[in-house]
Amino acid sequence: MTNRLRRSFLYTPADDAGMMRKAAESNADAIIFDLEDAIPTDAIPAARDNLAAVLDATDFGEREVCARINGLQTDDWEGDLRAATDAGVDTIILPMIERPEQLTAAVEGVREASDNVPEFIPTIETPRGLFNADEIAERGREFDRVTGLSYGFGDYTNAIGATGKPASMEAFVRQTVVSAAALGGLDPLATVYQDFNDTEGLREHAAAARELGYIGQKAIHPAQLETLNEMYTPTQDEVDRARRFVDAFDGADRDSIVVDGVFLDTAIVEQYRTVLRRHEEVAG
């Protein structure tokens, strides 16, 4: 895990320097400069150059600056990794991770080449990756620079031959990944909601993820950021209720109590402590 605020991640194609600079003015907590799906293969060299030029000349404030490199099954990942590290990004997004050995290769590859080691967020996007998610996350625990775990659903549905994006299947992926993240002590981060014109659908998607323990979500359009920041920020009513429950429990000399008709024990009250931690992170 990290102390960074990670409610919203905005994908931005790294082959468009103008869009990259504009992203620095957004209300995203984090920006992902994409070297993978968002750009054609022949634009990768220029995109790598953009990373160095834009990061050198642009003030991103407190935003976490990330780069999504090409997958470790491609010929481009090592060049992407060097370019992103040399540019000084905060975090590397690793797509299509299927085995813990791939995570090791990426982290150790940077350690051997540079003293500037960014953070890493592996992404689960295939059936093999999903069924190895616990091992990937626990391998992440061995590296202090691995701080998050995410998933992608588009490649996953293609791999299993699904038509559309069935909600029950996404729920399975989401639950598996958040459980793996807990094993590895990693920040769980939800995938994108594709229809950026459907604010209510995004709200429902984010609410379902947050209830499971996800702390933030990726976005494909700036129009989604305000909703994501709101959905992953505890409301004042939630904060007040959590504080009342935690204070009552901590002040009682018992392992379980009832407050306002709600049963609280050590495990249950931890959920309310999490609400207070989230509130403190947002408040700074």
C-alpha atoms as a PDB file:
ATOM      1  CA  MET A   1       0.000   0.000   0.000  1.00  0.00           C
ATOM      2  CA  THR A   2       0.947   3.624  -0.306  1.00  0.00           C
ATOM      3  CA  ASN A   3       0.018   6.890   1.353  1.00  0.00           C
ATOM      4  CA  ARG A   4      -0.921   8.367  -2.021  1.00  0.00           C
ATOM      5  CA  LEU A   5      -4.458   9.529  -2.732  1.00  0.00           C
ATOM      6  CA  ARG A   6      -5.691   7.162  -5.449  1.00  0.00           C
ATOM      7  CA  ARG A   7      -9.388   7.819  -5.995  1.00  0.00           C
ATOM      8  CA  SER A   8      -9.088   8.486  -9.732  1.00  0.00           C
ATOM      9  CA  PHE A   9      -6.581   7.585 -12.466  1.00  0.00           C
ATOM     10  CA  LEU A  10      -6.926   9.315 -15.844  1.00  0.00           C
ATOM     11  CA  TYR A  11      -5.665   7.439 -18.908  1.00  0.00           C
ATOM     12  CA  THR A  12      -3.931   9.759 -21.388  1.00  0.00           C
ATOM     13  CA  PRO A  13      -2.238   8.628 -24.652  1.00  0.00           C
ATOM     14  CA  ALA A  14       1.499   9.279 -24.474  1.00  0.00           C
ATOM     15  CA  ASP A  15       1.763  10.029 -28.193  1.00  0.00           C
ATOM     16  CA  ASP A  16      -0.095  13.342 -27.736  1.00  0.00           C
ATOM     17  CA  ALA A  17       2.058  15.832 -25.822  1.00  0.00           C
ATOM     18  CA  GLY A  18      -0.744  18.387 -25.783  1.00  0.00           C
ATOM     19  CA  MET A  19      -3.150  15.993 -24.070  1.00  0.00           C
ATOM     20  CA  MET A  20      -0.423  15.010 -21.630  1.00  0.00           C
ATOM     21  CA  ARG A  21       0.112  18.616 -20.591  1.00  0.00           C
ATOM     22  CA  LYS A  22      -3.627  19.188 -20.345  1.00  0.00           C
ATOM     23  CA  ALA A  23      -3.972  16.189 -18.012  1.00  0.00           C
ATOM     24  CA  ALA A  24      -1.836  18.082 -15.496  1.00  0.00           C
ATOM     25  CA  GLU A  25      -4.723  20.546 -15.162  1.00  0.00           C
ATOM     26  CA  SER A  26      -7.339  17.863 -14.465  1.00  0.00           C
ATOM     27  CA  ASN A  27      -8.738  16.938 -11.063  1.00  0.00           C
ATOM     28  CA  ALA A  28      -7.379  13.389 -11.279  1.00  0.00           C
ATOM     29  CA  ASP A  29      -5.452  12.089  -8.294  1.00  0.00           C
ATOM     30  CA  ALA A  30      -3.229  10.202 -10.736  1.00  0.00           C
ATOM     31  CA  ILE A  31      -2.497  10.291 -14.460  1.00  0.00           C
ATOM     32  CA  ILE A  32      -1.592   7.227 -16.532  1.00  0.00           C
ATOM     33  CA  PHE A  33       0.402   8.056 -19.651  1.00  0.00           C
ATOM     34  CA  ASP A  34      -0.373   5.133 -21.909  1.00  0.00           C
ATOM     35  CA  LEU A  35       2.275   3.471 -24.064  1.00  0.00           C
ATOM     36  CA  GLU A  36       0.122   0.389 -24.641  1.00  0.00           C
ATOM     37  CA  ASP A  37      -3.454   0.127 -25.959  1.00  0.00           C
ATOM     38  CA  ALA A  38      -4.096   3.825 -26.579  1.00  0.00           C
ATOM     39  CA  ILE A  39      -1.386   4.317 -29.212  1.00  0.00           C
ATOM     40  CA  PRO A  40      -0.289   2.561 -32.441  1.00  0.00           C
ATOM     41  CA  THR A  41       2.934   0.565 -32.378  1.00  0.00           C
ATOM     42  CA  ASP A  42       4.760   2.928 -34.715  1.00  0.00           C
ATOM     43  CA  ALA A  43       4.080   5.816 -32.307  1.00  0.00           C
ATOM     44  CA  ILE A  44       5.841   4.168 -29.352  1.00  0.00           C
ATOM     45  CA  PRO A  45       9.274   5.815 -29.917  1.00  0.00           C
ATOM     46  CA  ALA A  46       7.706   9.290 -30.054  1.00  0.00           C
ATOM     47  CA  ALA A  47       5.585   8.494 -26.999  1.00  0.00           C
ATOM     48  CA  ARG A  48       8.683   7.516 -25.037  1.00  0.00           C
ATOM     49  CA  ASP A  49      10.284  10.827 -25.999  1.00  0.00           C
ATOM     50  CA  ASN A  50       7.134  12.650 -24.888  1.00  0.00           C
ATOM     51  CA  LEU A  51       7.415  11.160 -21.421  1.00  0.00           C
ATOM     52  CA  ALA A  52      10.799  12.772 -20.859  1.00  0.00           C
ATOM     53  CA  ALA A  53       9.901  16.092 -22.476  1.00  0.00           C
ATOM     54  CA  VAL A  54       6.511  16.582 -20.827  1.00  0.00           C
ATOM     55  CA  LEU A  55       7.565  15.472 -17.348  1.00  0.00           C
ATOM     56  CA  ASP A  56      10.585  17.745 -17.509  1.00  0.00           C
ATOM     57  CA  ALA A  57       8.563  20.808 -18.500  1.00  0.00           C
ATOM     58  CA  THR A  58       5.236  20.328 -16.684  1.00  0.00           C
ATOM     59  CA  ASP A  59       4.192  20.825 -13.060  1.00  0.00           C
ATOM     60  CA  PHE A  60       1.909  17.977 -12.042  1.00  0.00           C
ATOM     61  CA  GLY A  61       1.509  19.200  -8.477  1.00  0.00           C
ATOM     62  CA  GLU A  62       0.553  16.428  -6.060  1.00  0.00           C
ATOM     63  CA  ARG A  63      -0.722  14.148  -8.807  1.00  0.00           C
ATOM     64  CA  GLU A  64       0.797  10.701  -9.121  1.00  0.00           C
ATOM     65  CA  VAL A  65       2.352  10.392 -12.577  1.00  0.00           C
ATOM     66  CA  CYS A  66       2.177   6.856 -13.989  1.00  0.00           C
ATOM     67  CA  ALA A  67       3.119   5.167 -17.243  1.00  0.00           C
ATOM     68  CA  ARG A  68       1.445   2.027 -18.567  1.00  0.00           C
ATOM     69  CA  ILE A  69       4.080   0.113 -20.496  1.00  0.00           C
ATOM     70  CA  ASN A  70       3.531  -2.675 -23.008  1.00  0.00           C
ATOM     71  CA  GLY A  71       3.101  -6.182 -21.672  1.00  0.00           C
ATOM     72  CA  LEU A  72       6.051  -8.386 -20.780  1.00  0.00           C
ATOM     73  CA  GLN A  73       5.026 -10.769 -23.569  1.00  0.00           C
ATOM     74  CA  THR A  74       5.933  -8.070 -26.142  1.00  0.00           C
ATOM     75  CA  ASP A  75       9.261  -6.807 -27.476  1.00  0.00           C
ATOM     76  CA  ASP A  76       8.553  -3.262 -26.312  1.00  0.00           C
ATOM     77  CA  TRP A  77       8.297  -3.572 -22.561  1.00  0.00           C
ATOM     78  CA  GLU A  78      11.979  -3.157 -21.683  1.00  0.00           C
ATOM     79  CA  GLY A  79      12.349  -0.030 -23.803  1.00  0.00           C
ATOM     80  CA  ASP A  80       9.135   1.363 -22.307  1.00  0.00           C
ATOM     81  CA  LEU A  81      10.353   0.598 -18.805  1.00  0.00           C
ATOM     82  CA  ARG A  82      13.673   2.365 -19.372  1.00  0.00           C
ATOM     83  CA  ALA A  83      11.975   5.388 -20.912  1.00  0.00           C
ATOM     84  CA  ALA A  84       9.449   5.692 -18.089  1.00  0.00           C
ATOM     85  CA  THR A  85      12.079   5.279 -15.391  1.00  0.00           C
ATOM     86  CA  ASP A  86      14.461   7.744 -17.025  1.00  0.00           C
ATOM     87  CA  ALA A  87      11.616  10.255 -17.359  1.00  0.00           C
ATOM     88  CA  GLY A  88      11.029  10.022 -13.615  1.00  0.00           C
ATOM     89  CA  VAL A  89       7.479   8.701 -13.416  1.00  0.00           C
ATOM     90  CA  ASP A  90       6.170   7.883  -9.960  1.00  0.00           C
ATOM     91  CA  THR A  91       4.562   4.583 -10.885  1.00  0.00           C
ATOM     92  CA  ILE A  92       4.668   1.910 -13.596  1.00  0.00           C
ATOM     93  CA  ILE A  93       1.405   0.202 -14.567  1.00  0.00           C
ATOM     94  CA  LEU A  94       2.201  -3.373 -15.638  1.00  0.00           C
ATOM     95  CA  PRO A  95      -0.479  -4.827 -17.965  1.00  0.00           C
ATOM     96  CA  MET A  96      -1.341  -8.462 -18.633  1.00  0.00           C
ATOM     97  CA  ILE A  97       0.540  -9.876 -15.646  1.00  0.00           C
ATOM     98  CA  GLU A  98      -0.025 -13.633 -15.473  1.00  0.00           C
ATOM     99  CA  ARG A  99       2.735 -14.972 -13.223  1.00  0.00           C
ATOM    100  CA  PRO A 100       4.696 -13.701 -10.213  1.00  0.00           C
ATOM    101  CA  GLU A 101       7.932 -14.156 -12.168  1.00  0.00           C
ATOM    102  CA  GLN A 102       6.861 -11.380 -14.536  1.00  0.00           C
ATOM    103  CA  LEU A 103       6.468  -8.975 -11.639  1.00  0.00           C
ATOM    104  CA  THR A 104       9.920  -9.911 -10.390  1.00  0.00           C
ATOM    105  CA  ALA A 105      11.426  -9.371 -13.850  1.00  0.00           C
ATOM    106  CA  ALA A 106      10.009  -5.855 -14.095  1.00  0.00           C
ATOM    107  CA  VAL A 107      11.008  -4.716 -10.609  1.00  0.00           C
ATOM    108  CA  GLU A 108      14.461  -6.270 -10.719  1.00  0.00           C
ATOM    109  CA  GLY A 109      14.986  -4.928 -14.233  1.00  0.00           C
ATOM    110  CA  VAL A 110      14.655  -1.386 -12.917  1.00  0.00           C
ATOM    111  CA  ARG A 111      16.702  -2.038  -9.797  1.00  0.00           C
ATOM    112  CA  GLU A 112      19.611  -3.303 -11.860  1.00  0.00           C
ATOM    113  CA  ALA A 113      19.550  -0.327 -14.228  1.00  0.00           C
ATOM    114  CA  SER A 114      18.685   2.644 -12.031  1.00  0.00           C
ATOM    115  CA  ASP A 115      18.784   4.036  -8.516  1.00  0.00           C
ATOM    116  CA  ASN A 116      15.421   5.663  -9.225  1.00  0.00           C
ATOM    117  CA  VAL A 117      12.947   2.822  -8.647  1.00  0.00           C
ATOM    118  CA  PRO A 118       9.298   3.811  -9.197  1.00  0.00           C
ATOM    119  CA  GLU A 119       6.290   2.124  -7.666  1.00  0.00           C
ATOM    120  CA  PHE A 120       4.530  -0.676  -9.554  1.00  0.00           C
ATOM    121  CA  ILE A 121       0.888  -1.626 -10.031  1.00  0.00           C
ATOM    122  CA  PRO A 122       0.418  -5.019 -11.749  1.00  0.00           C
ATOM    123  CA  THR A 123      -2.818  -5.526 -13.673  1.00  0.00           C
ATOM    124  CA  ILE A 124      -4.728  -8.809 -13.933  1.00  0.00           C
ATOM    125  CA  GLU A 125      -6.338  -9.185 -17.379  1.00  0.00           C
ATOM    126  CA  THR A 126      -6.364 -12.886 -18.302  1.00  0.00           C
ATOM    127  CA  PRO A 127      -7.726 -16.150 -16.857  1.00  0.00           C
ATOM    128  CA  ARG A 128      -4.182 -17.303 -16.049  1.00  0.00           C
ATOM    129  CA  GLY A 129      -3.470 -14.041 -14.279  1.00  0.00           C
ATOM    130  CA  LEU A 130      -6.714 -14.258 -12.323  1.00  0.00           C
ATOM    131  CA  PHE A 131      -6.029 -17.775 -11.079  1.00  0.00           C
ATOM    132  CA  ASN A 132      -2.502 -16.688 -10.116  1.00  0.00           C
ATOM    133  CA  ALA A 133      -3.658 -13.410  -8.553  1.00  0.00           C
ATOM    134  CA  ASP A 134      -2.884 -14.520  -5.003  1.00  0.00           C
ATOM    135  CA  GLU A 135       0.677 -15.544  -5.917  1.00  0.00           C
ATOM    136  CA  ILE A 136       1.210 -12.321  -7.874  1.00  0.00           C
ATOM    137  CA  ALA A 137       0.013 -10.220  -4.944  1.00  0.00           C
ATOM    138  CA  GLU A 138       2.083 -12.128  -2.405  1.00  0.00           C
ATOM    139  CA  ARG A 139       5.141 -11.726  -4.633  1.00  0.00           C
ATOM    140  CA  GLY A 140       4.332  -8.010  -4.594  1.00  0.00           C
ATOM    141  CA  ARG A 141       4.556  -8.031  -0.809  1.00  0.00           C
ATOM    142  CA  GLU A 142       8.237  -8.955  -1.180  1.00  0.00           C
ATOM    143  CA  PHE A 143       8.943  -5.648  -2.961  1.00  0.00           C
ATOM    144  CA  ASP A 144       8.239  -2.415  -1.112  1.00  0.00           C
ATOM    145  CA  ARG A 145       7.833  -0.644  -4.470  1.00  0.00           C
ATOM    146  CA  VAL A 146       4.828  -2.763  -5.480  1.00  0.00           C
ATOM    147  CA  THR A 147       1.940  -0.838  -3.965  1.00  0.00           C
ATOM    148  CA  GLY A 148      -1.257  -1.630  -5.873  1.00  0.00           C
ATOM    149  CA  LEU A 149      -3.175  -4.293  -7.782  1.00  0.00           C
ATOM    150  CA  SER A 150      -5.740  -3.744 -10.521  1.00  0.00           C
ATOM    151  CA  TYR A 151      -7.629  -5.634 -13.196  1.00  0.00           C
ATOM    152  CA  GLY A 152      -8.799  -5.116 -16.758  1.00  0.00           C
ATOM    153  CA  PHE A 153     -12.003  -6.657 -18.036  1.00  0.00           C
ATOM    154  CA  GLY A 154     -11.880  -6.170 -21.813  1.00  0.00           C
ATOM    155  CA  ASP A 155      -9.003  -8.563 -22.485  1.00  0.00           C
ATOM    156  CA  TYR A 156     -10.398 -10.990 -19.918  1.00  0.00           C
ATOM    157  CA  THR A 157     -13.788 -11.271 -21.623  1.00  0.00           C
ATOM    158  CA  ASN A 158     -12.087 -11.729 -24.995  1.00  0.00           C
ATOM    159  CA  ALA A 159      -9.943 -14.528 -23.566  1.00  0.00           C
ATOM    160  CA  ILE A 160     -12.905 -16.483 -22.218  1.00  0.00           C
ATOM    161  CA  GLY A 161     -15.081 -15.884 -25.276  1.00  0.00           C
ATOM    162  CA  ALA A 162     -17.746 -13.898 -23.444  1.00  0.00           C
ATOM    163  CA  THR A 163     -20.178 -11.785 -25.439  1.00  0.00           C
ATOM    164  CA  GLY A 164     -20.577  -8.361 -23.919  1.00  0.00           C
ATOM    165  CA  LYS A 165     -19.472  -7.778 -20.350  1.00  0.00           C
ATOM    166  CA  PRO A 166     -21.694  -9.839 -18.049  1.00  0.00           C
ATOM    167  CA  ALA A 167     -22.023  -8.276 -14.603  1.00  0.00           C
ATOM    168  CA  SER A 168     -21.715 -11.616 -12.814  1.00  0.00           C
ATOM    169  CA  MET A 169     -18.353 -12.318 -14.448  1.00  0.00           C
ATOM    170  CA  GLU A 170     -16.986  -8.879 -13.605  1.00  0.00           C
ATOM    171  CA  ALA A 171     -18.136  -9.373 -10.012  1.00  0.00           C
ATOM    172  CA  PHE A 172     -16.115 -12.599  -9.868  1.00  0.00           C
ATOM    173  CA  VAL A 173     -12.994 -10.888 -11.237  1.00  0.00           C
ATOM    174  CA  ARG A 174     -13.450  -7.911  -8.934  1.00  0.00           C
ATOM    175  CA  GLN A 175     -13.866 -10.077  -5.829  1.00  0.00           C
ATOM    176  CA  THR A 176     -10.877 -12.252  -6.687  1.00  0.00           C
ATOM    177  CA  VAL A 177      -8.569  -9.289  -7.256  1.00  0.00           C
ATOM    178  CA  VAL A 178      -9.586  -7.367  -4.131  1.00  0.00           C
ATOM    179  CA  SER A 179      -9.018 -10.511  -2.061  1.00  0.00           C
ATOM    180  CA  ALA A 180      -5.586 -11.003  -3.614  1.00  0.00           C
ATOM    181  CA  ALA A 181      -4.729  -7.355  -2.945  1.00  0.00           C
ATOM    182  CA  ALA A 182      -5.546  -7.896   0.721  1.00  0.00           C
ATOM    183  CA  LEU A 183      -3.152 -10.871   0.824  1.00  0.00           C
ATOM    184  CA  GLY A 184      -0.356  -8.744  -0.604  1.00  0.00           C
ATOM    185  CA  GLY A 185      -1.114  -5.601   1.366  1.00  0.00           C
ATOM    186  CA  LEU A 186      -1.695  -3.728  -1.918  1.00  0.00           C
ATOM    187  CA  ASP A 187      -4.076  -0.910  -2.865  1.00  0.00           C
ATOM    188  CA  PRO A 188      -7.003  -2.430  -4.834  1.00  0.00           C
ATOM    189  CA  LEU A 189      -7.869  -0.304  -7.883  1.00  0.00           C
ATOM    190  CA  ALA A 190     -10.953  -0.872 -10.042  1.00  0.00           C
ATOM    191  CA  THR A 191     -11.037  -0.910 -13.817  1.00  0.00           C
ATOM    192  CA  VAL A 192     -12.576   1.664 -16.145  1.00  0.00           C
ATOM    193  CA  TYR A 193     -16.261   2.182 -16.867  1.00  0.00           C
ATOM    194  CA  GLN A 194     -16.354   2.521 -20.640  1.00  0.00           C
ATOM    195  CA  ASP A 195     -19.389   4.749 -21.232  1.00  0.00           C
ATOM    196  CA  PHE A 196     -18.154   8.156 -20.117  1.00  0.00           C
ATOM    197  CA  ASN A 197     -21.548   9.720 -20.907  1.00  0.00           C
ATOM    198  CA  ASP A 198     -23.328   7.433 -18.425  1.00  0.00           C
ATOM    199  CA  THR A 199     -22.723   9.144 -15.098  1.00  0.00           C
ATOM    200  CA  GLU A 200     -25.298   7.091 -13.221  1.00  0.00           C
ATOM    201  CA  GLY A 201     -23.808   3.846 -14.524  1.00  0.00           C
ATOM    202  CA  LEU A 202     -20.349   4.998 -13.453  1.00  0.00           C
ATOM    203  CA  ARG A 203     -21.698   5.871 -10.023  1.00  0.00           C
ATOM    204  CA  GLU A 204     -23.200   2.400  -9.617  1.00  0.00           C
ATOM    205  CA  HIS A 205     -20.018   0.732 -10.893  1.00  0.00           C
ATOM    206  CA  ALA A 206     -17.849   2.697  -8.463  1.00  0.00           C
ATOM    207  CA  ALA A 207     -20.233   2.126  -5.556  1.00  0.00           C
ATOM    208  CA  ALA A 208     -20.096  -1.638  -6.063  1.00  0.00           C
ATOM    209  CA  ALA A 209     -16.300  -1.578  -6.162  1.00  0.00           C
ATOM    210  CA  ARG A 210     -15.980   0.673  -3.131  1.00  0.00           C
ATOM    211  CA  GLU A 211     -18.269  -1.577  -1.071  1.00  0.00           C
ATOM    212  CA  LEU A 212     -15.842  -4.431  -1.748  1.00  0.00           C
ATOM    213  CA  GLY A 213     -12.861  -2.390  -0.555  1.00  0.00           C
ATOM    214  CA  TYR A 214     -11.513  -0.753  -3.714  1.00  0.00           C
ATOM    215  CA  ILE A 215      -9.988   2.645  -2.957  1.00  0.00           C
ATOM    216  CA  GLY A 216     -10.087   4.140  -6.463  1.00  0.00           C
ATOM    217  CA  GLN A 217     -10.728   3.556 -10.136  1.00  0.00           C
ATOM    218  CA  LYS A 218      -9.344   4.256 -13.590  1.00  0.00           C
ATOM    219  CA  ALA A 219     -11.022   6.688 -15.989  1.00  0.00           C
ATOM    220  CA  ILE A 220     -10.935   7.020 -19.764  1.00  0.00           C
ATOM    221  CA  HIS A 221     -12.274  10.592 -19.877  1.00  0.00           C
ATOM    222  CA  PRO A 222     -11.908  13.711 -17.692  1.00  0.00           C
ATOM    223  CA  ALA A 223     -15.712  13.874 -17.417  1.00  0.00           C
ATOM    224  CA  GLN A 224     -15.572  10.811 -15.135  1.00  0.00           C
ATOM    225  CA  LEU A 225     -13.155  12.263 -12.595  1.00  0.00           C
ATOM    226  CA  GLU A 226     -15.526  14.325 -10.473  1.00  0.00           C
ATOM    227  CA  THR A 227     -17.825  11.339  -9.990  1.00  0.00           C
ATOM    228  CA  LEU A 228     -14.956   9.008  -9.102  1.00  0.00           C
ATOM    229  CA  ASN A 229     -13.464  11.453  -6.616  1.00  0.00           C
ATOM    230  CA  GLU A 230     -16.867  11.811  -4.993  1.00  0.00           C
ATOM    231  CA  MET A 231     -17.632   8.084  -4.911  1.00  0.00           C
ATOM    232  CA  TYR A 232     -14.304   7.129  -3.345  1.00  0.00           C
ATOM    233  CA  THR A 233     -14.490   9.864  -0.697  1.00  0.00           C
ATOM    234  CA  PRO A 234     -16.438   9.028   2.496  1.00  0.00           C
ATOM    235  CA  THR A 235     -19.433  11.311   3.032  1.00  0.00           C
ATOM    236  CA  GLN A 236     -19.644  13.425   6.171  1.00  0.00           C
ATOM    237  CA  ASP A 237     -22.480  11.226   7.454  1.00  0.00           C
ATOM    238  CA  GLU A 238     -20.299   8.134   6.964  1.00  0.00           C
ATOM    239  CA  VAL A 239     -17.408   9.809   8.771  1.00  0.00           C
ATOM    240  CA  ASP A 240     -19.572  10.950  11.695  1.00  0.00           C
ATOM    241  CA  ARG A 241     -21.113   7.496  12.075  1.00  0.00           C
ATOM    242  CA  ALA A 242     -17.739   5.775  11.887  1.00  0.00           C
ATOM    243  CA  ARG A 243     -16.228   8.123  14.460  1.00  0.00           C
ATOM    244  CA  ARG A 244     -19.163   7.571  16.824  1.00  0.00           C
ATOM    245  CA  PHE A 245     -18.864   3.786  16.531  1.00  0.00           C
ATOM    246  CA  VAL A 246     -15.075   3.714  16.872  1.00  0.00           C
ATOM    247  CA  ASP A 247     -15.075   6.055  19.871  1.00  0.00           C
ATOM    248  CA  ALA A 248     -17.772   4.022  21.603  1.00  0.00           C
ATOM    249  CA  PHE A 249     -15.976   0.745  20.965  1.00  0.00           C
ATOM    250  CA  ASP A 250     -12.582   2.052  22.058  1.00  0.00           C
ATOM    251  CA  GLY A 251     -14.127   3.508  25.208  1.00  0.00           C
ATOM    252  CA  ALA A 252     -15.798   0.246  26.189  1.00  0.00           C
ATOM    253  CA  ASP A 253     -13.964  -2.427  28.127  1.00  0.00           C
ATOM    254  CA  ARG A 254     -15.574  -5.243  26.177  1.00  0.00           C
ATOM    255  CA  ASP A 255     -14.959  -7.240  23.020  1.00  0.00           C
ATOM    256  CA  SER A 256     -18.409  -6.432  21.649  1.00  0.00           C
ATOM    257  CA  ILE A 257     -21.004  -3.696  22.137  1.00  0.00           C
ATOM    258  CA  VAL A 258     -24.209  -2.394  20.568  1.00  0.00           C
ATOM    259  CA  VAL A 259     -24.411   1.249  19.443  1.00  0.00           C
ATOM    260  CA  ASP A 260     -27.589   2.670  17.896  1.00  0.00           C
ATOM    261  CA  GLY A 261     -28.813  -0.876  17.427  1.00  0.00           C
ATOM    262  CA  VAL A 262     -25.653  -1.902  15.544  1.00  0.00           C
ATOM    263  CA  PHE A 263     -23.567  -4.794  16.865  1.00  0.00           C
ATOM    264  CA  LEU A 264     -19.847  -4.028  16.936  1.00  0.00           C
ATOM    265  CA  ASP A 265     -16.928  -6.342  17.582  1.00  0.00           C
ATOM    266  CA  THR A 266     -13.238  -6.055  16.738  1.00  0.00           C
ATOM    267  CA  ALA A 267     -13.659  -7.212  13.137  1.00  0.00           C
ATOM    268  CA  ILE A 268     -16.723  -5.093  12.396  1.00  0.00           C
ATOM    269  CA  VAL A 269     -15.332  -1.910  13.933  1.00  0.00           C
ATOM    270  CA  GLU A 270     -12.275  -2.222  11.683  1.00  0.00           C
ATOM    271  CA  GLN A 271     -14.543  -1.361   8.739  1.00  0.00           C
ATOM    272  CA  TYR A 272     -15.354   1.941  10.421  1.00  0.00           C
ATOM    273  CA  ARG A 273     -11.686   2.581  11.144  1.00  0.00           C
ATOM    274  CA  THR A 274     -11.107   2.168   7.399  1.00  0.00           C
ATOM    275  CA  VAL A 275     -13.682   4.894   6.706  1.00  0.00           C
ATOM    276  CA  LEU A 276     -11.816   7.236   9.053  1.00  0.00           C
ATOM    277  CA  ARG A 277      -8.481   6.410   7.412  1.00  0.00           C
ATOM    278  CA  ARG A 278      -9.935   7.166   3.979  1.00  0.00           C
ATOM    279  CA  HIS A 279     -11.290  10.462   5.288  1.00  0.00           C
ATOM    280  CA  GLU A 280      -7.899  11.426   6.709  1.00  0.00           C
ATOM    281  CA  GLU A 281      -6.180  10.580   3.405  1.00  0.00           C
ATOM    282  CA  VAL A 282      -8.529  12.860   1.477  1.00  0.00           C
ATOM    283  CA  ALA A 283      -8.304  15.641   4.059  1.00  0.00           C
ATOM    284  CA  GLY A 284      -4.520  15.475   3.810  1.00  0.00           C
END
